[in-house]
Amino acid sequence: MLKSVPSATDWKEKNQEEILKGVDSGDLKLSAKVTKNISENKELDDAVYDWFLEMRNPKFRCKPLSISRAHIQARALREAEIRGISGFSASDGWFRNWRRRYEIGASIRLYGEAGDVDVGAIEPAMRDLRVQLANYHLKNIFNMDETGLFYRAMPARTYLAYNESRK
């Protein structure tokens, strides 16, 4: 017959009084593991961050550019090449840590999905469009949402710096 092993929580509850006495007397010290998020290539990370801020806060353009993870990783590889850093890979782990170091917020959606459309409001325009499309062969009509014809389109999501508004 197998014996059940008590959990750490059970042990803590059972020995709570002894633990508190040990901490108060100084015989027992509680510690937590602290990990440091230090970059191996601070100059590279700073250069990528400076580029990121320039793209998100343009001096001479009207709107900030949308920046995806792929853009940031590609720029990191370019900066590593410029600086002669060999063996660097802009991996997902590097990106996650870089975001944490520079307090880059989560990726936000720039515009909505098709589910956000009020179908009743666009029905008249859809009727007009169907009439116009009747003059074309089906092989020349594309559903742009389902094809790869947007391969050069701007990303639908972007990352924001900690001090940027979500608007």
Protein backbone atom coordinates (compact mmCIF):
# COMPACT_ATOMS: atom_id res chain seq x y z
CA MET A 1 0.00 0.00 0.00
CA LEU A 2 1.30 3.44 -1.02
CA LYS A 3 1.64 6.20 1.53
CA SER A 4 0.58 9.71 0.55
CA VAL A 5 3.28 12.35 0.75
CA PRO A 6 2.28 15.60 2.47
CA SER A 7 2.44 18.69 0.31
CA ALA A 8 4.62 21.71 1.08
CA THR A 9 1.49 23.65 2.01
CA ASP A 10 0.47 20.96 4.51
CA TRP A 11 3.96 21.02 6.03
CA LYS A 12 3.95 24.84 6.23
CA GLU A 13 0.57 24.93 7.96
CA LYS A 14 1.60 22.20 10.40
CA ASN A 15 4.91 23.92 11.26
CA GLN A 16 3.84 27.56 10.94
CA GLU A 17 4.46 28.36 14.61
CA GLU A 18 7.98 26.90 14.52
CA ILE A 19 8.75 28.75 11.28
CA LEU A 20 7.64 32.10 12.75
CA LYS A 21 9.73 31.52 15.91
CA GLY A 22 12.78 30.69 13.79
CA VAL A 23 12.39 33.83 11.67
CA ASP A 24 11.85 36.05 14.75
CA SER A 25 14.94 34.66 16.49
CA GLY A 26 17.09 34.98 13.39
CA ASP A 27 17.87 31.24 13.24
CA LEU A 28 15.80 30.82 10.07
CA LYS A 29 16.15 33.13 7.11
CA LEU A 30 13.58 33.18 4.36
CA SER A 31 14.92 33.77 0.89
CA ALA A 32 13.59 33.95 -2.61
CA LYS A 33 15.46 33.28 -5.79
CA VAL A 34 16.08 36.53 -7.64
CA THR A 35 17.03 36.31 -11.27
CA LYS A 36 18.63 39.21 -13.04
CA ASN A 37 17.64 40.07 -16.55
CA ILE A 38 21.03 41.32 -17.71
CA SER A 39 21.89 41.54 -21.38
CA GLU A 40 25.05 39.99 -22.78
CA ASN A 41 25.07 42.66 -25.53
CA LYS A 42 23.86 45.87 -23.91
CA GLU A 43 25.09 48.04 -26.81
CA LEU A 44 23.09 45.94 -29.26
CA ASP A 45 19.96 46.02 -27.09
CA ASP A 46 20.28 49.80 -26.66
CA ALA A 47 20.59 50.24 -30.43
CA VAL A 48 17.47 48.13 -31.06
CA TYR A 49 15.58 50.10 -28.40
CA ASP A 50 16.67 53.43 -29.90
CA TRP A 51 15.48 52.22 -33.33
CA PHE A 52 12.20 51.04 -31.79
CA LEU A 53 11.57 54.46 -30.20
CA GLU A 54 12.42 56.21 -33.47
CA MET A 55 9.91 54.07 -35.38
CA ARG A 56 7.20 54.51 -32.74
CA ASN A 57 7.84 58.27 -32.29
CA PRO A 58 8.82 59.54 -35.72
CA LYS A 59 10.19 63.06 -36.03
CA PHE A 60 9.00 63.89 -39.53
CA ARG A 61 6.21 61.36 -40.21
CA CYS A 62 2.60 61.87 -39.23
CA LYS A 63 1.93 58.49 -37.63
CA PRO A 64 4.06 55.98 -35.74
CA LEU A 65 4.95 52.83 -37.66
CA SER A 66 3.53 49.46 -36.69
CA ILE A 67 6.28 47.18 -35.46
CA SER A 68 5.92 43.43 -35.17
CA ARG A 69 8.14 40.97 -33.32
CA ALA A 70 9.62 39.89 -36.65
CA HIS A 71 10.62 43.50 -37.40
CA ILE A 72 12.33 43.87 -34.03
CA GLN A 73 14.13 40.55 -34.35
CA ALA A 74 15.29 41.41 -37.89
CA ARG A 75 16.60 44.76 -36.67
CA ALA A 76 18.44 43.03 -33.82
CA LEU A 77 20.15 40.72 -36.31
CA ARG A 78 21.10 43.73 -38.45
CA GLU A 79 22.51 45.59 -35.43
CA ALA A 80 24.50 42.48 -34.44
CA GLU A 81 25.91 42.29 -37.96
CA ILE A 82 26.86 46.00 -37.90
CA ARG A 83 28.64 45.54 -34.57
CA GLY A 84 30.38 42.33 -35.63
CA ILE A 85 28.68 40.22 -32.96
CA SER A 86 28.91 36.62 -34.10
CA GLY A 87 26.74 33.82 -32.80
CA PHE A 88 23.86 36.14 -31.90
CA SER A 89 20.37 34.91 -32.69
CA ALA A 90 17.36 37.10 -32.11
CA SER A 91 15.40 34.22 -30.65
CA ASP A 92 12.00 34.38 -29.00
CA GLY A 93 13.80 34.18 -25.63
CA TRP A 94 16.00 37.14 -26.53
CA PHE A 95 12.91 39.10 -27.63
CA ARG A 96 10.97 38.27 -24.44
CA ASN A 97 13.89 39.38 -22.24
CA TRP A 98 14.53 42.50 -24.35
CA ARG A 99 10.88 43.50 -23.92
CA ARG A 100 11.14 42.99 -20.16
CA ARG A 101 14.39 44.99 -19.89
CA TYR A 102 13.01 47.96 -21.79
CA GLU A 103 9.44 47.74 -20.49
CA ILE A 104 7.87 47.23 -23.90
CA GLY A 105 4.18 46.53 -23.44
CA ALA A 106 2.15 43.74 -24.90
CA SER A 107 1.27 43.64 -28.58
CA ILE A 108 -1.98 45.46 -29.26
CA ARG A 109 -4.41 45.06 -32.13
CA LEU A 110 -4.49 48.09 -34.39
CA TYR A 111 -7.83 47.46 -36.02
CA GLY A 112 -10.80 45.14 -35.54
CA GLU A 113 -11.91 41.84 -36.94
CA ALA A 114 -14.68 41.10 -39.44
CA GLY A 115 -16.93 40.16 -36.52
CA ASP A 116 -16.98 43.82 -35.52
CA VAL A 117 -18.87 44.83 -38.67
CA ASP A 118 -22.54 45.80 -38.55
CA VAL A 119 -23.82 43.73 -41.49
CA GLY A 120 -27.11 45.65 -41.70
CA ALA A 121 -25.24 48.93 -42.20
CA ILE A 122 -23.15 47.66 -45.10
CA GLU A 123 -25.83 45.64 -46.91
CA PRO A 124 -26.68 48.42 -49.45
CA ALA A 125 -23.00 48.77 -50.40
CA MET A 126 -22.69 44.99 -50.71
CA ARG A 127 -25.63 44.92 -53.19
CA ASP A 128 -23.91 47.59 -55.32
CA LEU A 129 -20.64 45.67 -55.19
CA ARG A 130 -22.34 42.42 -56.30
CA VAL A 131 -23.84 44.25 -59.30
CA GLN A 132 -20.40 45.57 -60.31
CA LEU A 133 -18.75 42.15 -59.84
CA ALA A 134 -21.32 40.49 -62.11
CA ASN A 135 -19.35 41.92 -65.07
CA TYR A 136 -16.20 39.94 -64.16
CA HIS A 137 -15.27 36.27 -64.49
CA LEU A 138 -15.08 34.40 -61.18
CA LYS A 139 -11.38 33.67 -61.76
CA ASN A 140 -10.72 37.42 -61.57
CA ILE A 141 -12.53 37.96 -58.24
CA PHE A 142 -10.51 37.45 -55.07
CA ASN A 143 -11.49 37.30 -51.43
CA MET A 144 -8.71 39.50 -50.03
CA ASP A 145 -9.17 38.18 -46.51
CA GLU A 146 -8.35 34.63 -47.62
CA THR A 147 -5.40 35.19 -49.96
CA GLY A 148 -1.75 36.08 -49.64
CA LEU A 149 -2.14 39.26 -51.64
CA PHE A 150 -1.43 41.36 -48.54
CA TYR A 151 2.14 40.14 -48.19
CA ARG A 152 3.39 43.74 -48.10
CA ALA A 153 0.66 45.05 -45.81
CA MET A 154 1.53 46.66 -42.51
CA PRO A 155 1.16 44.43 -39.45
CA ALA A 156 -2.21 44.25 -37.74
CA ARG A 157 -0.51 44.47 -34.32
CA THR A 158 2.28 46.53 -32.80
CA TYR A 159 4.25 46.87 -29.58
CA LEU A 160 4.16 50.01 -27.46
CA ALA A 161 6.79 51.56 -25.21
CA TYR A 162 5.82 51.87 -21.55
CA ASN A 163 5.02 55.57 -21.87
CA GLU A 164 2.86 55.33 -25.03
CA SER A 165 -0.91 55.57 -24.99
CA ARG A 166 -3.02 52.74 -26.38
CA LYS A 167 -5.04 55.22 -28.46
